[in-house]
Amino acid sequence: MRTLTKFAALTCLVLTLWIAAAAVAHHHANNGESQTCPVCVVARAPAARTAASTPKPVFLCVSTVRIEASPAKFRLIPFVLSIRPPPAV
């Protein structure tokens, strides 16, 4: 099953790279062909649908908490208690 998953992932990766290379490398002899080219039409479609609007600013109230540093002796106790001793021989 794992081999099948690896094969499917590799196939998807190769197809994605091949399609990306084909989309970048294609060209047209004149402007009329690019009007009917499926790749060019799909590339221009999101740009036509997106409305140019300015985003509204978002203001958030941010509060900070200052925690006083504890002495080193208080931080050492939980560390020492969490260490397991070596196994007995």
N, C-alpha and C. Protein backbone atom coordinates (compact mmCIF):
# COMPACT_ATOMS: atom_id res chain seq x y z
N MET A 1 0.83 -1.20 0.00
CA MET A 1 0.00 0.00 0.00
C MET A 1 0.87 1.25 0.00
N ARG A 2 1.98 1.20 0.73
CA ARG A 2 2.85 2.36 0.80
C ARG A 2 3.48 2.66 -0.57
N THR A 3 3.80 1.61 -1.33
CA THR A 3 4.37 1.80 -2.66
C THR A 3 3.36 2.47 -3.58
N LEU A 4 2.09 2.09 -3.45
CA LEU A 4 1.04 2.70 -4.25
C LEU A 4 0.89 4.19 -3.93
N THR A 5 0.99 4.53 -2.65
CA THR A 5 0.89 5.93 -2.23
C THR A 5 2.06 6.74 -2.78
N LYS A 6 3.25 6.18 -2.69
CA LYS A 6 4.43 6.87 -3.22
C LYS A 6 4.32 7.06 -4.74
N PHE A 7 3.83 6.03 -5.43
CA PHE A 7 3.66 6.13 -6.88
C PHE A 7 2.64 7.20 -7.24
N ALA A 8 1.53 7.25 -6.50
CA ALA A 8 0.50 8.26 -6.77
C ALA A 8 1.03 9.66 -6.49
N ALA A 9 1.79 9.83 -5.42
CA ALA A 9 2.36 11.14 -5.10
C ALA A 9 3.37 11.57 -6.16
N LEU A 10 4.20 10.65 -6.61
CA LEU A 10 5.18 10.97 -7.64
C LEU A 10 4.49 11.31 -8.96
N THR A 11 3.44 10.58 -9.30
CA THR A 11 2.69 10.87 -10.52
C THR A 11 2.06 12.26 -10.46
N CYS A 12 1.47 12.61 -9.33
CA CYS A 12 0.88 13.94 -9.18
C CYS A 12 1.93 15.03 -9.29
N LEU A 13 3.08 14.80 -8.69
CA LEU A 13 4.16 15.79 -8.75
C LEU A 13 4.67 15.97 -10.17
N VAL A 14 4.87 14.88 -10.89
CA VAL A 14 5.34 14.97 -12.27
C VAL A 14 4.30 15.66 -13.15
N LEU A 15 3.02 15.34 -12.99
CA LEU A 15 1.98 15.98 -13.79
C LEU A 15 1.88 17.48 -13.48
N THR A 16 2.01 17.84 -12.21
CA THR A 16 1.96 19.25 -11.84
C THR A 16 3.11 20.02 -12.46
N LEU A 17 4.31 19.47 -12.38
CA LEU A 17 5.47 20.14 -12.99
C LEU A 17 5.34 20.22 -14.51
N TRP A 18 4.82 19.16 -15.13
CA TRP A 18 4.66 19.17 -16.58
C TRP A 18 3.64 20.23 -17.01
N ILE A 19 2.54 20.32 -16.31
CA ILE A 19 1.50 21.30 -16.65
C ILE A 19 2.03 22.71 -16.42
N ALA A 20 2.79 22.93 -15.34
CA ALA A 20 3.35 24.25 -15.08
C ALA A 20 4.34 24.65 -16.17
N ALA A 21 5.17 23.73 -16.59
CA ALA A 21 6.13 24.02 -17.66
C ALA A 21 5.41 24.29 -18.98
N ALA A 22 4.36 23.53 -19.26
CA ALA A 22 3.62 23.74 -20.51
C ALA A 22 2.90 25.09 -20.50
N ALA A 23 2.38 25.50 -19.35
CA ALA A 23 1.67 26.77 -19.28
C ALA A 23 2.63 27.94 -19.45
N VAL A 24 3.81 27.82 -18.92
CA VAL A 24 4.79 28.90 -19.03
C VAL A 24 5.40 28.95 -20.42
N ALA A 25 5.66 27.81 -21.01
CA ALA A 25 6.39 27.76 -22.27
C ALA A 25 5.52 27.99 -23.51
N HIS A 26 4.20 27.94 -23.38
CA HIS A 26 3.38 28.08 -24.59
C HIS A 26 3.35 29.55 -25.05
N HIS A 27 3.23 29.73 -26.36
CA HIS A 27 3.18 31.08 -26.94
C HIS A 27 2.25 31.05 -28.16
N HIS A 28 1.88 32.26 -28.61
CA HIS A 28 0.95 32.38 -29.73
C HIS A 28 1.58 33.25 -30.81
N ALA A 29 1.26 32.92 -32.07
CA ALA A 29 1.80 33.68 -33.19
C ALA A 29 1.15 35.06 -33.27
N ASN A 30 -0.14 35.15 -32.96
CA ASN A 30 -0.81 36.44 -32.99
C ASN A 30 -1.75 36.57 -31.79
N ASN A 31 -2.31 37.74 -31.61
CA ASN A 31 -3.16 38.01 -30.46
C ASN A 31 -4.50 37.29 -30.55
N GLY A 32 -4.96 36.98 -31.74
CA GLY A 32 -6.25 36.32 -31.92
C GLY A 32 -6.26 34.91 -31.35
N GLU A 33 -5.15 34.22 -31.41
CA GLU A 33 -5.08 32.86 -30.88
C GLU A 33 -5.14 32.87 -29.35
N SER A 34 -4.61 33.91 -28.72
CA SER A 34 -4.62 33.93 -27.26
C SER A 34 -6.02 34.19 -26.71
N GLN A 35 -6.93 34.71 -27.54
CA GLN A 35 -8.31 34.93 -27.09
C GLN A 35 -9.08 33.61 -26.96
N THR A 36 -8.67 32.59 -27.72
CA THR A 36 -9.37 31.30 -27.68
C THR A 36 -8.55 30.21 -27.00
N CYS A 37 -7.34 30.51 -26.60
CA CYS A 37 -6.48 29.52 -25.94
C CYS A 37 -7.02 29.24 -24.53
N PRO A 38 -7.31 27.98 -24.20
CA PRO A 38 -7.85 27.66 -22.88
C PRO A 38 -6.91 28.06 -21.73
N VAL A 39 -5.62 27.91 -21.94
CA VAL A 39 -4.67 28.26 -20.88
C VAL A 39 -4.70 29.76 -20.62
N CYS A 40 -4.71 30.56 -21.68
CA CYS A 40 -4.72 32.01 -21.52
C CYS A 40 -6.05 32.50 -20.95
N VAL A 41 -7.15 31.88 -21.36
CA VAL A 41 -8.46 32.28 -20.85
C VAL A 41 -8.55 32.00 -19.35
N VAL A 42 -8.08 30.83 -18.92
CA VAL A 42 -8.11 30.48 -17.50
C VAL A 42 -7.17 31.39 -16.70
N ALA A 43 -6.03 31.75 -17.28
CA ALA A 43 -5.08 32.61 -16.57
C ALA A 43 -5.65 34.01 -16.37
N ARG A 44 -6.46 34.48 -17.31
CA ARG A 44 -7.04 35.82 -17.19
C ARG A 44 -8.34 35.84 -16.39
N ALA A 45 -8.98 34.71 -16.17
CA ALA A 45 -10.29 34.67 -15.52
C ALA A 45 -10.26 35.19 -14.08
N PRO A 46 -9.35 34.80 -13.21
CA PRO A 46 -9.38 35.32 -11.84
C PRO A 46 -9.14 36.83 -11.78
N ALA A 47 -8.34 37.35 -12.68
CA ALA A 47 -8.07 38.79 -12.67
C ALA A 47 -9.31 39.58 -13.05
N ALA A 48 -10.17 39.01 -13.91
CA ALA A 48 -11.37 39.72 -14.33
C ALA A 48 -12.44 39.71 -13.24
N ARG A 49 -12.50 38.67 -12.44
CA ARG A 49 -13.54 38.54 -11.43
C ARG A 49 -13.23 39.32 -10.15
N THR A 50 -11.97 39.50 -9.86
CA THR A 50 -11.58 40.14 -8.61
C THR A 50 -11.85 41.63 -8.69
N ALA A 51 -12.63 42.13 -7.74
CA ALA A 51 -12.92 43.56 -7.69
C ALA A 51 -11.78 44.25 -6.95
N ALA A 52 -11.35 45.37 -7.49
CA ALA A 52 -10.28 46.13 -6.86
C ALA A 52 -10.88 46.97 -5.73
N SER A 53 -10.70 46.51 -4.53
CA SER A 53 -11.22 47.25 -3.39
C SER A 53 -10.11 47.38 -2.36
N THR A 54 -10.17 48.45 -1.61
CA THR A 54 -9.16 48.63 -0.58
C THR A 54 -9.66 47.95 0.70
N PRO A 55 -8.82 47.20 1.35
CA PRO A 55 -9.26 46.53 2.57
C PRO A 55 -9.47 47.53 3.70
N LYS A 56 -10.45 47.23 4.52
CA LYS A 56 -10.74 48.09 5.66
C LYS A 56 -9.70 47.82 6.76
N PRO A 57 -9.22 48.87 7.39
CA PRO A 57 -8.23 48.64 8.45
C PRO A 57 -8.87 47.98 9.67
N VAL A 58 -8.11 47.13 10.30
CA VAL A 58 -8.58 46.43 11.49
C VAL A 58 -7.73 46.87 12.66
N PHE A 59 -8.38 47.37 13.69
CA PHE A 59 -7.68 47.80 14.88
C PHE A 59 -8.00 46.84 16.02
N LEU A 60 -6.96 46.32 16.63
CA LEU A 60 -7.13 45.39 17.72
C LEU A 60 -6.51 45.98 18.99
N CYS A 61 -7.16 45.72 20.09
CA CYS A 61 -6.63 46.14 21.38
C CYS A 61 -5.70 45.04 21.88
N VAL A 62 -4.45 45.37 22.05
CA VAL A 62 -3.47 44.39 22.48
C VAL A 62 -3.01 44.75 23.88
N SER A 63 -3.10 43.78 24.76
CA SER A 63 -2.63 44.01 26.13
C SER A 63 -1.44 43.10 26.38
N THR A 64 -0.55 43.55 27.23
CA THR A 64 0.63 42.76 27.56
C THR A 64 0.63 42.44 29.04
N VAL A 65 1.21 41.32 29.36
CA VAL A 65 1.33 40.90 30.75
C VAL A 65 2.81 40.76 31.05
N ARG A 66 3.24 41.37 32.12
CA ARG A 66 4.64 41.27 32.50
C ARG A 66 4.75 40.29 33.66
N ILE A 67 5.50 39.24 33.43
CA ILE A 67 5.69 38.23 34.45
C ILE A 67 7.06 38.43 35.06
N GLU A 68 7.08 38.48 36.36
CA GLU A 68 8.34 38.69 37.05
C GLU A 68 9.18 37.41 36.95
N ALA A 69 10.47 37.60 36.75
CA ALA A 69 11.36 36.46 36.64
C ALA A 69 11.50 35.78 38.00
N SER A 70 11.41 34.46 37.98
CA SER A 70 11.55 33.72 39.23
C SER A 70 13.01 33.36 39.43
N PRO A 71 13.43 33.23 40.66
CA PRO A 71 14.82 32.83 40.91
C PRO A 71 15.10 31.45 40.35
N ALA A 72 16.36 31.17 40.14
CA ALA A 72 16.75 29.90 39.52
C ALA A 72 16.42 28.71 40.41
N LYS A 73 16.39 28.89 41.71
CA LYS A 73 16.12 27.76 42.59
C LYS A 73 14.69 27.24 42.42
N PHE A 74 13.73 28.09 42.06
CA PHE A 74 12.36 27.64 41.85
C PHE A 74 12.21 26.90 40.52
N ARG A 75 13.00 27.24 39.55
CA ARG A 75 12.93 26.57 38.26
C ARG A 75 13.65 25.23 38.27
N LEU A 76 14.56 25.01 39.19
CA LEU A 76 15.35 23.79 39.23
C LEU A 76 14.57 22.61 39.79
N ILE A 77 13.65 22.83 40.72
CA ILE A 77 12.93 21.74 41.38
C ILE A 77 12.12 20.90 40.39
N PRO A 78 11.27 21.47 39.54
CA PRO A 78 10.52 20.60 38.60
C PRO A 78 11.44 19.88 37.64
N PHE A 79 12.55 20.48 37.27
CA PHE A 79 13.49 19.83 36.35
C PHE A 79 14.10 18.60 37.01
N VAL A 80 14.51 18.73 38.27
CA VAL A 80 15.12 17.62 38.99
C VAL A 80 14.10 16.52 39.21
N LEU A 81 12.85 16.87 39.47
CA LEU A 81 11.84 15.85 39.73
C LEU A 81 11.41 15.10 38.48
N SER A 82 11.66 15.65 37.32
CA SER A 82 11.20 15.00 36.08
C SER A 82 12.26 14.11 35.46
N ILE A 83 13.47 14.07 36.00
CA ILE A 83 14.52 13.24 35.45
C ILE A 83 14.46 11.86 36.08
N ARG A 84 14.44 10.84 35.23
CA ARG A 84 14.43 9.47 35.73
C ARG A 84 15.85 9.03 36.03
N PRO A 85 16.03 8.23 37.06
CA PRO A 85 17.37 7.71 37.33
C PRO A 85 17.74 6.66 36.29
N PRO A 86 19.00 6.37 36.14
CA PRO A 86 19.40 5.32 35.18
C PRO A 86 18.88 3.97 35.63
N PRO A 87 18.65 3.08 34.70
CA PRO A 87 18.13 1.75 35.06
C PRO A 87 19.12 0.99 35.92
N ALA A 88 18.59 0.23 36.82
CA ALA A 88 19.45 -0.56 37.70
C ALA A 88 19.98 -1.76 36.93
N VAL A 89 21.22 -2.07 37.20
CA VAL A 89 21.87 -3.18 36.49
C VAL A 89 21.56 -4.49 37.15
